[in-house]
């Protein structure tokens, strides 16, 4: 599904600062792709990717964490909670 126009903010590609393992990422997509690996160099390359699409492409070729298969849903949930949480006042 592709989110457009007034629903664009729902996309994992839309700008939204999120944290993963103490590091700030520009979009949920960047953080999710980086979470696939434990390699700091691969994570940095993904975090610095120019676009979320670039981050996704880089994430297809990382050394997957041994636990990725069981963690991926929890990671996505946490990133989305961060993205849509009410701002602190």
Protein backbone atom coordinates (compact mmCIF):
# COMPACT_ATOMS: atom_id res chain seq x y z
CA UNK A 1 0.00 0.00 0.00
CA UNK A 2 1.28 3.43 -0.90
CA UNK A 3 0.27 6.39 1.24
CA UNK A 4 -0.31 9.62 -0.68
CA UNK A 5 -1.49 13.15 -0.12
CA UNK A 6 -3.10 13.64 3.31
CA UNK A 7 -2.19 10.07 4.34
CA UNK A 8 1.51 10.41 3.43
CA UNK A 9 2.41 10.83 7.12
CA UNK A 10 1.44 7.17 7.70
CA UNK A 11 4.29 5.93 5.52
CA UNK A 12 7.47 4.57 7.10
CA UNK A 13 9.22 6.74 4.51
CA UNK A 14 7.79 10.01 5.88
CA UNK A 15 10.14 12.15 7.97
CA UNK A 16 9.87 11.26 11.67
CA UNK A 17 12.82 11.25 14.06
CA UNK A 18 12.95 7.94 15.94
CA UNK A 19 15.52 6.36 18.23
CA UNK A 20 16.92 2.86 17.99
CA UNK A 21 19.61 1.58 20.37
CA UNK A 22 20.33 5.14 21.49
CA UNK A 23 20.85 6.47 17.96
CA UNK A 24 18.59 8.92 16.13
CA UNK A 25 17.23 8.01 12.68
CA UNK A 26 15.42 10.32 10.22
CA UNK A 27 12.61 7.89 9.39
CA UNK A 28 11.10 4.65 10.66
CA UNK A 29 12.40 2.98 7.49
CA UNK A 30 16.00 3.98 8.22
CA UNK A 31 15.77 2.65 11.79
CA UNK A 32 14.00 -0.58 10.83
CA UNK A 33 16.55 -1.42 8.15
CA UNK A 34 19.44 -0.65 10.52
CA UNK A 35 17.88 -2.85 13.21
CA UNK A 36 18.33 -5.89 10.97
CA UNK A 37 22.06 -6.00 11.68
CA UNK A 38 24.36 -5.76 14.68
CA UNK A 39 27.22 -4.40 12.58
CA UNK A 40 27.87 -0.76 13.57
CA UNK A 41 29.29 0.12 10.14
CA UNK A 42 26.23 -1.25 8.33
CA UNK A 43 23.92 0.58 10.73
CA UNK A 44 25.76 3.85 10.17
CA UNK A 45 25.65 3.46 6.39
CA UNK A 46 21.87 2.92 6.58
CA UNK A 47 21.34 5.80 9.03
CA UNK A 48 23.19 8.16 6.70
CA UNK A 49 21.39 6.99 3.54
CA UNK A 50 20.08 9.99 1.62
CA UNK A 51 16.52 8.65 1.28
CA UNK A 52 14.36 5.98 2.95
CA UNK A 53 14.41 4.11 -0.36
CA UNK A 54 18.20 4.05 -0.25
CA UNK A 55 18.05 2.80 3.35
CA UNK A 56 15.69 0.01 2.28
CA UNK A 57 18.00 -1.05 -0.55
CA UNK A 58 20.98 -1.12 1.81
CA UNK A 59 18.98 -3.15 4.33
CA UNK A 60 18.47 -5.91 1.77
CA UNK A 61 22.19 -6.70 1.84
CA UNK A 62 23.17 -6.55 5.52
CA UNK A 63 24.40 -9.35 7.72
CA UNK A 64 21.17 -10.24 9.51
CA UNK A 65 21.17 -10.55 13.27
CA UNK A 66 20.60 -14.17 14.36
CA UNK A 67 17.47 -13.04 16.22
CA UNK A 68 16.03 -10.79 13.51
CA UNK A 69 13.27 -13.23 12.57
CA UNK A 70 11.80 -13.15 16.07
CA UNK A 71 12.52 -9.46 16.79
CA UNK A 72 11.36 -7.71 13.65
CA UNK A 73 7.70 -7.27 14.63
CA UNK A 74 8.66 -5.94 18.07
CA UNK A 75 11.14 -3.51 16.53
CA UNK A 76 8.55 -2.18 14.06
CA UNK A 77 5.98 -1.82 16.82
CA UNK A 78 8.38 0.18 18.99
CA UNK A 79 9.36 2.46 16.10
CA UNK A 80 5.72 3.14 15.23
CA UNK A 81 4.86 3.84 18.87
CA UNK A 82 7.65 6.42 18.90
CA UNK A 83 6.51 7.96 15.63
CA UNK A 84 2.89 8.40 16.66
CA UNK A 85 3.32 9.11 20.38
CA UNK A 86 1.94 12.42 21.60
CA UNK A 87 4.72 14.97 22.06
CA UNK A 88 5.80 15.54 25.64
CA UNK A 89 4.77 18.85 27.14
